[in-house]
Amino acid sequence: MAAKPRVHEIANELGVDSKVALEKLKEMGEYVKGPSSSIEPPVARRLKAALEAAGAATNAAAAPAAPAAPAKPAAAKPAPQRPTPAA
């Protein structure tokens, strides 16, 4: 029998915060108390798939965004004009 993984372990594997994993489990209809709760292996597989899909969707949404324009150098300020001496 496979060991039951904990929510925080799956979150660490995928590089997401435990709160994100808990929220995703809630969306999936799974009741979990906290990050140290263990979940059944089939639920863990579904969670991984859902988080990976959400991560891919987030990365895909961020990719088409226009790249930041390169910073333009500040225009040189003209030297202050000195009054011309009256003759």
N, C-alpha and C. Protein backbone atom coordinates (compact mmCIF):
# COMPACT_ATOMS: atom_id res chain seq x y z
N MET A 1 0.84 -1.17 0.00
CA MET A 1 0.00 0.00 0.00
C MET A 1 0.89 1.24 0.00
N ALA A 2 0.56 2.21 -0.86
CA ALA A 2 1.35 3.42 -0.97
C ALA A 2 1.09 4.32 0.22
N ALA A 3 2.12 5.06 0.57
CA ALA A 3 1.99 5.99 1.70
C ALA A 3 1.08 7.15 1.29
N LYS A 4 0.38 7.69 2.25
CA LYS A 4 -0.48 8.83 1.99
C LYS A 4 0.36 10.10 2.09
N PRO A 5 0.45 10.85 1.00
CA PRO A 5 1.24 12.09 1.05
C PRO A 5 0.50 13.19 1.80
N ARG A 6 1.25 14.11 2.32
CA ARG A 6 0.66 15.27 2.99
C ARG A 6 0.53 16.41 1.99
N VAL A 7 -0.40 17.28 2.26
CA VAL A 7 -0.68 18.39 1.34
C VAL A 7 0.56 19.25 1.15
N HIS A 8 1.26 19.56 2.23
CA HIS A 8 2.43 20.44 2.10
C HIS A 8 3.54 19.77 1.30
N GLU A 9 3.65 18.44 1.33
CA GLU A 9 4.66 17.74 0.55
C GLU A 9 4.39 17.90 -0.95
N ILE A 10 3.14 17.75 -1.32
CA ILE A 10 2.77 17.91 -2.74
C ILE A 10 2.99 19.35 -3.18
N ALA A 11 2.63 20.30 -2.33
CA ALA A 11 2.83 21.71 -2.66
C ALA A 11 4.31 22.00 -2.86
N ASN A 12 5.17 21.46 -1.99
CA ASN A 12 6.61 21.68 -2.12
C ASN A 12 7.14 21.07 -3.41
N GLU A 13 6.67 19.88 -3.76
CA GLU A 13 7.11 19.23 -5.00
C GLU A 13 6.83 20.10 -6.21
N LEU A 14 5.68 20.76 -6.19
CA LEU A 14 5.26 21.56 -7.34
C LEU A 14 5.67 23.02 -7.24
N GLY A 15 6.26 23.39 -6.10
CA GLY A 15 6.74 24.76 -5.95
C GLY A 15 5.63 25.77 -5.74
N VAL A 16 4.56 25.35 -5.09
CA VAL A 16 3.47 26.28 -4.78
C VAL A 16 3.29 26.36 -3.28
N ASP A 17 2.59 27.38 -2.83
CA ASP A 17 2.31 27.56 -1.41
C ASP A 17 1.25 26.55 -0.98
N SER A 18 1.34 26.12 0.26
CA SER A 18 0.36 25.16 0.79
C SER A 18 -1.06 25.72 0.74
N LYS A 19 -1.18 27.03 0.92
CA LYS A 19 -2.51 27.65 0.88
C LYS A 19 -3.14 27.48 -0.50
N VAL A 20 -2.33 27.55 -1.54
CA VAL A 20 -2.83 27.36 -2.90
C VAL A 20 -3.33 25.93 -3.07
N ALA A 21 -2.56 24.97 -2.56
CA ALA A 21 -2.95 23.56 -2.65
C ALA A 21 -4.24 23.32 -1.87
N LEU A 22 -4.36 23.90 -0.69
CA LEU A 22 -5.59 23.74 0.10
C LEU A 22 -6.80 24.34 -0.62
N GLU A 23 -6.59 25.49 -1.24
CA GLU A 23 -7.69 26.14 -1.97
C GLU A 23 -8.11 25.28 -3.16
N LYS A 24 -7.14 24.69 -3.85
CA LYS A 24 -7.45 23.83 -4.99
C LYS A 24 -8.22 22.59 -4.53
N LEU A 25 -7.81 22.00 -3.40
CA LEU A 25 -8.54 20.85 -2.86
C LEU A 25 -9.98 21.23 -2.52
N LYS A 26 -10.16 22.43 -1.97
CA LYS A 26 -11.51 22.89 -1.64
C LYS A 26 -12.35 23.02 -2.90
N GLU A 27 -11.74 23.57 -3.98
CA GLU A 27 -12.44 23.69 -5.26
C GLU A 27 -12.82 22.32 -5.81
N MET A 28 -11.97 21.32 -5.54
CA MET A 28 -12.20 19.96 -6.02
C MET A 28 -13.25 19.24 -5.17
N GLY A 29 -13.67 19.83 -4.07
CA GLY A 29 -14.67 19.22 -3.21
C GLY A 29 -14.09 18.28 -2.16
N GLU A 30 -12.80 18.37 -1.91
CA GLU A 30 -12.14 17.54 -0.90
C GLU A 30 -12.06 18.32 0.40
N TYR A 31 -12.36 17.66 1.51
CA TYR A 31 -12.26 18.29 2.81
C TYR A 31 -10.90 17.97 3.42
N VAL A 32 -10.12 19.00 3.67
CA VAL A 32 -8.80 18.86 4.28
C VAL A 32 -8.67 19.96 5.32
N LYS A 33 -8.21 19.59 6.52
CA LYS A 33 -8.09 20.56 7.60
C LYS A 33 -6.94 21.54 7.39
N GLY A 34 -5.77 21.02 7.07
CA GLY A 34 -4.61 21.90 6.96
C GLY A 34 -3.51 21.27 6.13
N PRO A 35 -2.38 21.98 6.00
CA PRO A 35 -1.28 21.51 5.16
C PRO A 35 -0.65 20.20 5.63
N SER A 36 -0.76 19.89 6.92
CA SER A 36 -0.15 18.66 7.42
C SER A 36 -1.09 17.47 7.30
N SER A 37 -2.29 17.68 6.77
CA SER A 37 -3.23 16.59 6.58
C SER A 37 -2.75 15.69 5.45
N SER A 38 -2.94 14.39 5.62
CA SER A 38 -2.59 13.46 4.55
C SER A 38 -3.82 13.23 3.69
N ILE A 39 -3.57 12.93 2.40
CA ILE A 39 -4.67 12.68 1.47
C ILE A 39 -4.41 11.36 0.77
N GLU A 40 -5.45 10.77 0.25
CA GLU A 40 -5.36 9.49 -0.44
C GLU A 40 -4.57 9.67 -1.75
N PRO A 41 -3.83 8.65 -2.17
CA PRO A 41 -3.04 8.76 -3.41
C PRO A 41 -3.83 9.19 -4.65
N PRO A 42 -5.07 8.68 -4.87
CA PRO A 42 -5.81 9.17 -6.04
C PRO A 42 -6.11 10.67 -5.97
N VAL A 43 -6.39 11.16 -4.76
CA VAL A 43 -6.65 12.59 -4.58
C VAL A 43 -5.37 13.37 -4.82
N ALA A 44 -4.25 12.82 -4.37
CA ALA A 44 -2.95 13.47 -4.58
C ALA A 44 -2.64 13.59 -6.07
N ARG A 45 -2.94 12.54 -6.83
CA ARG A 45 -2.69 12.59 -8.28
C ARG A 45 -3.56 13.64 -8.94
N ARG A 46 -4.84 13.71 -8.54
CA ARG A 46 -5.74 14.72 -9.11
C ARG A 46 -5.29 16.13 -8.73
N LEU A 47 -4.82 16.29 -7.48
CA LEU A 47 -4.34 17.60 -7.04
C LEU A 47 -3.12 18.02 -7.85
N LYS A 48 -2.18 17.11 -8.04
CA LYS A 48 -0.99 17.43 -8.83
C LYS A 48 -1.38 17.85 -10.24
N ALA A 49 -2.28 17.09 -10.85
CA ALA A 49 -2.71 17.41 -12.21
C ALA A 49 -3.39 18.78 -12.26
N ALA A 50 -4.23 19.06 -11.27
CA ALA A 50 -4.94 20.34 -11.24
C ALA A 50 -3.98 21.51 -11.03
N LEU A 51 -3.02 21.34 -10.13
CA LEU A 51 -2.06 22.42 -9.87
C LEU A 51 -1.14 22.63 -11.07
N GLU A 52 -0.74 21.54 -11.72
CA GLU A 52 0.11 21.68 -12.91
C GLU A 52 -0.66 22.37 -14.02
N ALA A 53 -1.93 22.01 -14.20
CA ALA A 53 -2.75 22.65 -15.23
C ALA A 53 -2.95 24.13 -14.91
N ALA A 54 -3.18 24.44 -13.64
CA ALA A 54 -3.35 25.84 -13.24
C ALA A 54 -2.06 26.61 -13.44
N GLY A 55 -0.92 25.97 -13.14
CA GLY A 55 0.37 26.62 -13.35
C GLY A 55 0.64 26.85 -14.82
N ALA A 56 0.28 25.90 -15.66
CA ALA A 56 0.47 26.06 -17.10
C ALA A 56 -0.43 27.16 -17.62
N ALA A 57 -1.66 27.22 -17.10
CA ALA A 57 -2.59 28.28 -17.53
C ALA A 57 -2.09 29.64 -17.09
N THR A 58 -1.54 29.73 -15.89
CA THR A 58 -1.01 30.99 -15.39
C THR A 58 0.20 31.42 -16.21
N ASN A 59 1.09 30.47 -16.50
CA ASN A 59 2.27 30.79 -17.30
C ASN A 59 1.88 31.18 -18.72
N ALA A 60 0.89 30.51 -19.29
CA ALA A 60 0.44 30.83 -20.64
C ALA A 60 -0.21 32.21 -20.68
N ALA A 61 -0.93 32.56 -19.65
CA ALA A 61 -1.57 33.87 -19.60
C ALA A 61 -0.54 34.98 -19.45
N ALA A 62 0.54 34.71 -18.75
CA ALA A 62 1.57 35.72 -18.54
C ALA A 62 2.46 35.86 -19.77
N ALA A 63 2.62 34.83 -20.56
CA ALA A 63 3.53 34.85 -21.71
C ALA A 63 3.12 35.86 -22.78
N PRO A 64 1.84 35.93 -23.20
CA PRO A 64 1.49 36.87 -24.27
C PRO A 64 1.58 38.33 -23.86
N ALA A 65 1.72 38.61 -22.60
CA ALA A 65 1.81 40.00 -22.17
C ALA A 65 2.99 40.67 -22.86
N ALA A 66 2.79 41.90 -23.26
CA ALA A 66 3.83 42.63 -23.96
C ALA A 66 5.05 42.80 -23.06
N PRO A 67 6.24 42.59 -23.63
CA PRO A 67 7.44 42.78 -22.81
C PRO A 67 7.59 44.25 -22.44
N ALA A 68 8.19 44.47 -21.32
CA ALA A 68 8.38 45.85 -20.85
C ALA A 68 9.27 46.60 -21.83
N ALA A 69 8.88 47.81 -22.14
CA ALA A 69 9.68 48.64 -23.05
C ALA A 69 10.99 49.00 -22.38
N PRO A 70 12.08 49.00 -23.14
CA PRO A 70 13.34 49.38 -22.52
C PRO A 70 13.29 50.82 -22.04
N ALA A 71 13.92 51.06 -20.94
CA ALA A 71 13.91 52.40 -20.35
C ALA A 71 14.65 53.37 -21.27
N LYS A 72 14.02 54.48 -21.52
CA LYS A 72 14.67 55.51 -22.36
C LYS A 72 15.52 56.39 -21.46
N PRO A 73 16.68 56.76 -21.94
CA PRO A 73 17.49 57.66 -21.11
C PRO A 73 16.80 59.00 -20.98
N ALA A 74 16.98 59.62 -19.86
CA ALA A 74 16.36 60.92 -19.61
C ALA A 74 16.93 61.94 -20.57
N ALA A 75 16.07 62.78 -21.08
CA ALA A 75 16.52 63.83 -22.00
C ALA A 75 17.44 64.79 -21.27
N ALA A 76 18.49 65.20 -21.94
CA ALA A 76 19.44 66.13 -21.32
C ALA A 76 18.76 67.48 -21.14
N LYS A 77 18.90 68.02 -19.94
CA LYS A 77 18.30 69.32 -19.66
C LYS A 77 19.23 70.40 -20.22
N PRO A 78 18.66 71.42 -20.83
CA PRO A 78 19.52 72.49 -21.35
C PRO A 78 20.17 73.25 -20.19
N ALA A 79 21.35 73.73 -20.46
CA ALA A 79 22.09 74.49 -19.45
C ALA A 79 21.31 75.75 -19.12
N PRO A 80 21.31 76.18 -17.85
CA PRO A 80 20.57 77.41 -17.51
C PRO A 80 21.17 78.61 -18.25
N GLN A 81 20.30 79.49 -18.70
CA GLN A 81 20.73 80.68 -19.45
C GLN A 81 21.17 81.77 -18.47
N ARG A 82 22.34 82.32 -18.72
CA ARG A 82 22.81 83.43 -17.92
C ARG A 82 22.35 84.72 -18.57
N PRO A 83 21.94 85.66 -17.77
CA PRO A 83 21.53 86.94 -18.39
C PRO A 83 22.74 87.60 -19.04
N THR A 84 22.51 88.18 -20.19
CA THR A 84 23.59 88.87 -20.89
C THR A 84 23.81 90.24 -20.25
N PRO A 85 25.08 90.60 -20.07
CA PRO A 85 25.32 91.91 -19.44
C PRO A 85 24.86 93.06 -20.34
N ALA A 86 24.23 94.03 -19.76
CA ALA A 86 23.75 95.20 -20.52
C ALA A 86 24.95 96.09 -20.82
N ALA A 87 25.02 96.61 -22.02
CA ALA A 87 26.14 97.45 -22.41
C ALA A 87 25.93 98.89 -22.18
